[in-house]
Amino acid sequence: MHHIIAIRLTSSTAIRTFGRLRQVFISNSRKLLYFSNRDFFAIIVWLLYANQKRRENPPYRNLKNRTNPITTNENIADQLKPLPAIIQKFLALDPKRVEFRVRGFDLAEKSHEERLEAIGKAFLRGYNLMLAVRSFGEIDQALAQESDLLRGFFIEGGAMGSALVDSLPFRKPMLPRYLARFGTRFPILVHAGVGLTISKLSWREKGILAELDPFYRWLAYDGRGYHNMYFEPEKTLAGPTHMLRGYAARAYDQGAGRGIWFISGASVEKAADTIVTMASERWPDLWAGVGLALCYAGPAGSREFMAAKKLAGDHAADMATGVALACAARIKDQSLSPETREGITALWGITPEALAERVEAARLAIASSQPDRGYAMWRDKIAGEFVAQQSA
């Protein structure tokens, strides 16, 4: 009798656990709305059983001198475990989801529209790859095929994918290794990409934040704001859908500002028109986000940079701060375009290389002594330098 009760309790707990797991899939595919928690539990158990049988009966067990190329040619530490094909199918995102006509964004100039759609598709390539990838070597090879413009967005999508995969049970964590691999070269993109997962799986917020760099972790809220503005602009214009306090709310709006650049079709004027419809206390951070996207995503040259400065008005220093962070990211990745170079020089009055050095020097001076509050102090210091430069 006691055994029966224990089994029932275990089953009930498992079903509740897989009910939460089911939410991961529902957020990406409406197909699973037709499955109950018990049905979903049965599917996962069957997948685990099938996987165990495959391990017990490997396809090469009767072939002599046959080896697995993954274990012989690649470092074991670089190996990753792909999701089962059926789960990949449900979690994969269709590239058409980022097309302007599908999203209902304001149609922009054709060249702007094509560029922003290409960025979105690069992001989804990175995300979808993380569902099926078998090693970090495969990620490196795919990254090498991306253009200078798109590399960072590919990595951002991969960060979202790795955080999402880690929400599934019975798996070795992928996100810490992804951060270790790409966090130094793409710190802003990696941490912001993780935030897109939090926007879908709020119950994973604490666990994900615990794995991030204390200095850059605020970018997770930036990514959350970007996601919500990009996919739910009408709701996000009124503010965060979930109450955020302190600097998390500010970082959220910085991400929302990045999203405004995309839904405005890379038009400074349309972005400004959108910002003025929102609460005035949000304007500084929204302009900071527009500045970052204007510089990192583009397309924008001297005219757009100077127009953004004029339209931002009292918040020009915030906008310039976003530009400075994007400039440093592009310099670190050696992916700065000539057009963007001209815009940065026109706005800041110094070369992009000199600006990137200032940004990094400010970060190093603050990060070691203020790891938790340092990110906000870093941005404030950059804004202060812009004001001083304009006054000189």
Protein backbone atom coordinates (compact mmCIF):
# COMPACT_ATOMS: atom_id res chain seq x y z
CA MET A 1 0.00 0.00 0.00
CA HIS A 2 2.79 2.41 0.93
CA HIS A 3 4.54 1.62 -2.34
CA ILE A 4 1.38 2.44 -4.31
CA ILE A 5 1.00 5.78 -2.50
CA ALA A 6 4.66 6.62 -3.14
CA ILE A 7 4.30 5.83 -6.83
CA ARG A 8 1.18 7.97 -7.09
CA LEU A 9 2.88 10.88 -5.32
CA THR A 10 5.91 10.58 -7.56
CA SER A 11 3.73 10.47 -10.66
CA SER A 12 1.73 13.51 -9.56
CA THR A 13 4.92 15.46 -8.90
CA ALA A 14 6.35 14.43 -12.25
CA ILE A 15 3.18 15.46 -14.05
CA ARG A 16 3.28 18.89 -12.42
CA THR A 17 6.96 19.19 -13.37
CA PHE A 18 6.24 18.32 -16.96
CA GLY A 19 3.32 20.73 -16.92
CA ARG A 20 5.91 23.45 -16.41
CA LEU A 21 8.11 21.94 -19.11
CA ARG A 22 5.09 22.01 -21.40
CA GLN A 23 4.98 25.79 -20.99
CA VAL A 24 8.36 25.98 -22.72
CA PHE A 25 6.89 24.36 -25.78
CA ILE A 26 3.60 26.25 -25.70
CA SER A 27 5.49 29.54 -25.77
CA ASN A 28 7.00 28.50 -29.09
CA SER A 29 4.30 26.40 -30.70
CA ARG A 30 0.54 26.41 -30.34
CA LYS A 31 0.38 22.79 -31.45
CA LEU A 32 0.97 21.52 -27.94
CA LEU A 33 -2.00 23.40 -26.55
CA TYR A 34 -4.00 20.32 -27.53
CA PHE A 35 -1.98 18.07 -25.19
CA SER A 36 -2.82 17.68 -21.53
CA ASN A 37 -0.06 17.55 -18.92
CA ARG A 38 -0.49 13.76 -18.67
CA ASP A 39 -0.23 13.37 -22.45
CA PHE A 40 2.87 15.52 -22.51
CA PHE A 41 4.37 13.56 -19.62
CA ALA A 42 3.79 10.34 -21.55
CA ILE A 43 5.50 11.74 -24.65
CA ILE A 44 8.60 12.80 -22.71
CA VAL A 45 8.80 9.45 -20.89
CA TRP A 46 8.60 7.69 -24.23
CA LEU A 47 11.41 9.87 -25.59
CA LEU A 48 13.60 9.12 -22.60
CA TYR A 49 12.89 5.39 -22.96
CA ALA A 50 13.73 5.47 -26.67
CA ASN A 51 16.94 7.34 -25.96
CA GLN A 52 17.95 4.78 -23.31
CA LYS A 53 17.30 1.90 -25.73
CA ARG A 54 19.46 3.63 -28.32
CA ARG A 55 22.27 3.86 -25.77
CA GLU A 56 21.91 0.16 -24.92
CA ASN A 57 21.95 -0.80 -28.61
CA PRO A 58 24.27 1.61 -30.42
CA PRO A 59 24.11 1.34 -34.22
CA TYR A 60 27.76 0.32 -34.53
CA ARG A 61 27.91 -2.29 -31.75
CA ASN A 62 28.42 -5.18 -34.18
CA LEU A 63 30.90 -3.43 -36.46
CA LYS A 64 34.56 -3.93 -35.66
CA ASN A 65 37.00 -1.00 -35.67
CA ARG A 66 34.16 1.51 -36.09
CA THR A 67 34.47 4.65 -33.98
CA ASN A 68 32.30 7.66 -33.32
CA PRO A 69 33.87 10.61 -35.16
CA ILE A 70 32.63 13.07 -32.58
CA THR A 71 34.48 11.42 -29.71
CA THR A 72 37.69 10.89 -31.65
CA ASN A 73 38.04 14.17 -33.53
CA GLU A 74 36.76 16.70 -31.04
CA ASN A 75 37.58 17.66 -27.52
CA ILE A 76 35.12 16.08 -25.12
CA ALA A 77 34.70 19.40 -23.31
CA ASP A 78 33.35 20.92 -26.54
CA GLN A 79 30.67 18.29 -27.05
CA LEU A 80 27.01 19.21 -26.73
CA LYS A 81 23.91 17.07 -26.69
CA PRO A 82 21.29 17.90 -29.33
CA LEU A 83 17.63 17.79 -28.44
CA PRO A 84 15.53 14.89 -29.75
CA ALA A 85 14.19 15.63 -33.23
CA ILE A 86 10.58 15.88 -32.11
CA ILE A 87 11.46 18.51 -29.50
CA GLN A 88 13.59 20.42 -32.02
CA LYS A 89 10.59 20.55 -34.31
CA PHE A 90 8.38 22.14 -31.67
CA LEU A 91 10.98 24.65 -30.45
CA ALA A 92 12.41 25.73 -33.81
CA LEU A 93 11.36 29.19 -35.01
CA ASP A 94 10.44 29.93 -38.61
CA PRO A 95 12.60 32.67 -40.22
CA LYS A 96 9.43 34.18 -41.66
CA ARG A 97 8.51 35.33 -38.17
CA VAL A 98 10.94 38.26 -38.46
CA GLU A 99 9.72 39.52 -41.83
CA PHE A 100 8.19 43.00 -41.69
CA ARG A 101 4.95 42.01 -43.37
CA VAL A 102 4.45 39.17 -40.91
CA ARG A 103 5.25 41.33 -37.89
CA GLY A 104 3.12 44.22 -39.09
CA PHE A 105 5.91 46.78 -38.72
CA ASP A 106 5.93 50.08 -40.59
CA LEU A 107 7.30 49.32 -44.02
CA ALA A 108 10.62 51.07 -44.42
CA GLU A 109 12.92 51.79 -47.30
CA LYS A 110 13.59 48.54 -49.11
CA SER A 111 17.29 48.50 -48.17
CA HIS A 112 16.45 49.16 -44.50
CA GLU A 113 13.79 46.48 -44.47
CA GLU A 114 16.09 43.89 -46.03
CA ARG A 115 18.86 44.68 -43.55
CA LEU A 116 16.68 44.45 -40.47
CA GLU A 117 15.09 41.23 -41.71
CA ALA A 118 18.57 39.79 -42.36
CA ILE A 119 19.50 40.63 -38.76
CA GLY A 120 16.41 38.86 -37.46
CA LYS A 121 17.10 35.78 -39.56
CA ALA A 122 20.72 35.64 -38.36
CA PHE A 123 19.41 35.72 -34.80
CA LEU A 124 17.09 32.80 -35.54
CA ARG A 125 19.91 30.85 -37.22
CA GLY A 126 21.87 31.09 -33.99
CA TYR A 127 18.84 30.14 -31.91
CA ASN A 128 17.79 27.17 -34.05
CA LEU A 129 21.34 25.84 -34.24
CA MET A 130 21.50 25.51 -30.45
CA LEU A 131 18.63 23.02 -30.56
CA ALA A 132 20.51 20.59 -32.79
CA VAL A 133 24.21 21.38 -32.34
CA ARG A 134 26.58 18.61 -31.26
CA SER A 135 29.69 20.62 -30.45
CA PHE A 136 31.04 24.12 -30.05
CA GLY A 137 33.12 23.41 -33.13
CA GLU A 138 29.92 23.40 -35.18
CA ILE A 139 28.96 26.77 -33.68
CA ASP A 140 32.37 28.20 -34.59
CA GLN A 141 32.02 26.96 -38.17
CA ALA A 142 28.55 28.45 -38.52
CA LEU A 143 29.72 31.74 -36.99
CA ALA A 144 32.56 31.95 -39.50
CA GLN A 145 30.00 31.85 -42.33
CA GLU A 146 28.16 34.92 -41.01
CA SER A 147 29.03 38.37 -42.34
CA ASP A 148 30.63 41.07 -40.19
CA LEU A 149 27.24 42.72 -39.76
CA LEU A 150 25.45 39.57 -38.60
CA ARG A 151 27.95 37.73 -36.36
CA GLY A 152 26.84 39.39 -33.15
CA PHE A 153 23.16 38.77 -33.81
CA PHE A 154 23.89 35.10 -34.53
CA ILE A 155 25.59 34.87 -31.13
CA GLU A 156 22.69 36.69 -29.47
CA GLY A 157 20.27 34.12 -30.85
CA GLY A 158 22.53 31.31 -29.70
CA ALA A 159 22.49 32.72 -26.17
CA MET A 160 18.71 32.64 -26.17
CA GLY A 161 18.75 29.07 -27.48
CA SER A 162 21.26 27.82 -24.90
CA ALA A 163 19.28 29.35 -22.03
CA LEU A 164 16.08 27.78 -23.36
CA VAL A 165 17.65 24.34 -23.78
CA ASP A 166 18.86 24.52 -20.18
CA SER A 167 15.25 24.81 -19.04
CA LEU A 168 14.64 21.22 -20.13
CA PRO A 169 15.34 18.47 -17.58
CA PHE A 170 18.00 15.75 -17.57
CA ARG A 171 20.60 17.81 -19.44
CA LYS A 172 24.08 19.11 -18.70
CA PRO A 173 23.91 22.92 -18.51
CA MET A 174 24.85 24.58 -21.80
CA LEU A 175 24.60 28.28 -20.93
CA PRO A 176 27.65 28.48 -18.62
CA ARG A 177 29.83 26.98 -21.34
CA TYR A 178 28.30 29.27 -23.96
CA LEU A 179 29.06 32.30 -21.78
CA ALA A 180 32.62 31.11 -21.26
CA ARG A 181 33.06 30.59 -25.00
CA PHE A 182 31.56 33.82 -26.35
CA GLY A 183 31.07 36.14 -23.38
CA THR A 184 34.43 37.87 -23.73
CA ARG A 185 34.13 38.63 -27.44
CA PHE A 186 30.39 39.43 -27.41
CA PRO A 187 29.54 40.43 -23.81
CA ILE A 188 26.62 42.71 -24.66
CA LEU A 189 25.03 40.41 -27.25
CA VAL A 190 25.37 37.26 -25.13
CA HIS A 191 23.86 38.75 -21.99
CA ALA A 192 21.08 40.52 -23.89
CA GLY A 193 20.26 37.32 -25.78
CA VAL A 194 19.73 35.44 -22.54
CA GLY A 195 17.12 38.02 -21.59
CA LEU A 196 14.92 36.99 -24.49
CA THR A 197 14.52 33.61 -22.81
CA ILE A 198 13.53 35.23 -19.52
CA SER A 199 10.74 37.09 -21.30
CA LYS A 200 9.25 33.71 -22.26
CA LEU A 201 10.14 31.71 -19.16
CA SER A 202 9.88 34.08 -16.20
CA TRP A 203 10.21 31.16 -13.76
CA ARG A 204 13.80 30.73 -15.01
CA GLU A 205 14.79 34.32 -14.19
CA LYS A 206 16.63 33.74 -10.92
CA GLY A 207 18.46 30.68 -12.19
CA ILE A 208 19.60 32.41 -15.37
CA LEU A 209 20.69 35.62 -13.64
CA ALA A 210 22.80 33.59 -11.19
CA GLU A 211 24.88 32.29 -14.11
CA LEU A 212 25.59 35.71 -15.65
CA ASP A 213 28.48 38.08 -15.11
CA PRO A 214 27.43 40.37 -12.18
CA PHE A 215 28.50 43.44 -14.15
CA TYR A 216 26.65 42.62 -17.36
CA ARG A 217 23.63 40.82 -15.91
CA TRP A 218 21.43 43.93 -16.28
CA LEU A 219 21.56 43.32 -20.01
CA ALA A 220 19.24 40.36 -19.46
CA TYR A 221 16.50 42.89 -18.68
CA ASP A 222 17.58 44.84 -21.76
CA GLY A 223 17.00 41.71 -23.82
CA ARG A 224 13.64 41.20 -22.19
CA GLY A 225 12.59 44.73 -23.11
CA TYR A 226 13.78 44.28 -26.66
CA HIS A 227 11.87 41.03 -27.03
CA ASN A 228 8.64 42.52 -25.74
CA MET A 229 8.87 45.64 -27.91
CA TYR A 230 9.68 43.56 -30.99
CA PHE A 231 6.98 40.91 -30.51
CA GLU A 232 4.39 42.79 -28.43
CA PRO A 233 4.87 46.48 -29.23
CA GLU A 234 1.37 47.62 -28.34
CA LYS A 235 1.62 46.17 -24.83
CA THR A 236 5.21 47.29 -24.25
CA LEU A 237 4.59 50.92 -25.17
CA ALA A 238 2.72 51.25 -21.87
CA GLY A 239 5.59 49.78 -19.83
CA PRO A 240 6.87 46.38 -18.66
CA THR A 241 4.18 43.71 -18.61
CA HIS A 242 5.60 42.54 -15.25
CA MET A 243 6.55 45.04 -12.57
CA LEU A 244 10.27 45.73 -12.45
CA ARG A 245 12.04 47.77 -9.84
CA GLY A 246 15.23 49.77 -9.63
CA TYR A 247 17.72 49.59 -12.45
CA ALA A 248 16.03 46.52 -13.92
CA ALA A 249 13.20 48.78 -15.14
CA ARG A 250 15.71 51.17 -16.71
CA ALA A 251 17.58 48.35 -18.44
CA TYR A 252 14.24 47.03 -19.70
CA ASP A 253 13.53 50.38 -21.36
CA GLN A 254 16.99 50.44 -22.91
CA GLY A 255 16.09 47.17 -24.60
CA ALA A 256 12.68 48.54 -25.55
CA GLY A 257 14.50 51.41 -27.24
CA ARG A 258 16.43 48.92 -29.34
CA GLY A 259 13.14 47.35 -30.31
CA ILE A 260 11.74 50.74 -31.32
CA TRP A 261 14.53 51.09 -33.87
CA PHE A 262 13.40 47.85 -35.53
CA ILE A 263 9.65 48.43 -35.49
CA SER A 264 10.29 51.95 -36.85
CA GLY A 265 12.10 50.54 -39.88
CA ALA A 266 15.45 52.14 -38.92
CA SER A 267 13.94 55.62 -39.19
CA VAL A 268 15.18 58.13 -36.61
CA GLU A 269 12.12 60.30 -37.13
CA LYS A 270 9.64 57.42 -36.64
CA ALA A 271 11.56 56.26 -33.57
CA ALA A 272 11.32 59.76 -32.09
CA ASP A 273 7.59 59.89 -32.83
CA THR A 274 7.14 56.60 -30.97
CA ILE A 275 9.16 57.67 -27.95
CA VAL A 276 7.15 60.87 -27.37
CA THR A 277 3.97 58.81 -27.01
CA MET A 278 5.46 57.07 -23.96
CA ALA A 279 5.89 58.27 -20.39
CA SER A 280 8.50 61.06 -20.26
CA GLU A 281 10.47 59.44 -17.42
CA ARG A 282 11.25 56.58 -19.81
CA TRP A 283 12.71 58.77 -22.56
CA PRO A 284 16.39 58.78 -21.42
CA ASP A 285 16.67 55.00 -21.49
CA LEU A 286 14.58 54.62 -24.62
CA TRP A 287 16.92 56.99 -26.44
CA ALA A 288 19.89 55.06 -25.11
CA GLY A 289 18.46 51.93 -26.68
CA VAL A 290 17.80 53.70 -29.98
CA GLY A 291 21.41 54.90 -29.99
CA LEU A 292 22.77 51.41 -29.48
CA ALA A 293 20.60 49.91 -32.23
CA LEU A 294 21.27 52.80 -34.60
CA CYS A 295 25.01 52.15 -34.28
CA TYR A 296 25.13 48.36 -34.00
CA ALA A 297 22.27 47.34 -36.31
CA GLY A 298 21.97 50.39 -38.57
CA PRO A 299 21.77 51.22 -41.32
CA ALA A 300 22.85 54.72 -40.31
CA GLY A 301 25.45 57.27 -41.34
CA SER A 302 26.37 60.77 -40.27
CA ARG A 303 22.93 62.20 -41.12
CA GLU A 304 21.08 59.68 -38.96
CA PHE A 305 23.50 60.04 -36.05
CA MET A 306 23.21 63.82 -36.00
CA ALA A 307 19.44 63.70 -36.52
CA ALA A 308 19.15 61.40 -33.50
CA LYS A 309 21.22 63.83 -31.43
CA LYS A 310 18.91 66.71 -32.38
CA LEU A 311 15.66 64.81 -31.83
CA ALA A 312 16.84 63.38 -28.51
CA GLY A 313 17.29 66.92 -27.20
CA ASP A 314 18.04 66.84 -23.48
CA HIS A 315 18.60 63.09 -23.76
CA ALA A 316 21.33 63.31 -26.40
CA ALA A 317 23.94 62.12 -23.89
CA ASP A 318 21.88 58.98 -23.23
CA MET A 319 21.59 58.33 -26.96
CA ALA A 320 25.35 58.88 -27.36
CA THR A 321 25.99 56.40 -24.53
CA GLY A 322 24.17 53.70 -26.48
CA VAL A 323 26.24 54.59 -29.54
CA ALA A 324 29.44 54.32 -27.50
CA LEU A 325 28.60 50.84 -26.20
CA ALA A 326 27.73 49.64 -29.70
CA CYS A 327 30.93 51.19 -31.05
CA ALA A 328 33.04 49.35 -28.47
CA ALA A 329 31.27 46.09 -29.34
CA ARG A 330 31.90 46.54 -33.06
CA ILE A 331 35.56 47.46 -32.52
CA LYS A 332 36.06 44.39 -30.31
CA ASP A 333 34.58 42.17 -33.01
CA GLN A 334 36.38 44.09 -35.80
CA SER A 335 33.10 44.51 -37.65
CA LEU A 336 32.62 48.29 -37.88
CA SER A 337 31.38 49.48 -41.28
CA PRO A 338 32.72 52.65 -42.98
CA GLU A 339 29.27 54.26 -42.87
CA THR A 340 28.94 53.69 -39.13
CA ARG A 341 32.50 54.88 -38.58
CA GLU A 342 31.63 58.23 -40.13
CA GLY A 343 28.51 58.56 -37.98
CA ILE A 344 30.38 57.85 -34.75
CA THR A 345 33.08 60.37 -35.58
CA ALA A 346 30.49 63.03 -36.43
CA LEU A 347 28.61 62.49 -33.16
CA TRP A 348 31.48 62.09 -30.71
CA GLY A 349 34.17 64.12 -32.48
CA ILE A 350 36.77 61.37 -32.03
CA THR A 351 37.63 58.17 -33.88
CA PRO A 352 35.72 54.97 -33.08
CA GLU A 353 38.95 53.39 -31.82
CA ALA A 354 39.51 56.25 -29.37
CA LEU A 355 35.90 56.04 -28.20
CA ALA A 356 36.15 52.28 -27.70
CA GLU A 357 39.27 52.78 -25.59
CA ARG A 358 37.42 55.26 -23.38
CA VAL A 359 34.50 52.89 -22.95
CA GLU A 360 36.75 49.97 -22.01
CA ALA A 361 38.88 52.08 -19.66
CA ALA A 362 35.77 53.27 -17.86
CA ARG A 363 34.51 49.70 -17.53
CA LEU A 364 37.78 48.39 -16.12
CA ALA A 365 37.95 51.22 -13.59
CA ILE A 366 34.46 50.45 -12.28
CA ALA A 367 33.93 46.70 -12.75
CA SER A 368 36.54 45.56 -10.23
CA SER A 369 35.24 47.75 -7.39
CA GLN A 370 31.51 47.83 -8.16
CA PRO A 371 30.50 44.55 -9.85
CA ASP A 372 26.81 44.85 -8.93
CA ARG A 373 26.14 48.56 -9.46
CA GLY A 374 28.96 49.04 -11.93
CA TYR A 375 26.91 48.73 -15.10
CA ALA A 376 24.77 51.77 -14.28
CA MET A 377 27.82 53.74 -13.13
CA TRP A 378 29.61 52.82 -16.35
CA ARG A 379 26.84 54.20 -18.51
CA ASP A 380 26.59 57.35 -16.40
CA LYS A 381 30.31 57.95 -16.75
CA ILE A 382 30.15 57.61 -20.54
CA ALA A 383 27.22 60.04 -20.68
CA GLY A 384 29.16 62.48 -18.54
CA GLU A 385 32.11 62.33 -20.90
CA PHE A 386 29.84 63.12 -23.85
CA VAL A 387 28.44 66.19 -22.07
CA ALA A 388 31.96 67.36 -21.21
CA GLN A 389 33.10 66.84 -24.79
CA GLN A 390 30.19 68.89 -26.16
CA SER A 391 30.93 71.69 -23.71
CA ALA A 392 34.63 71.87 -24.54
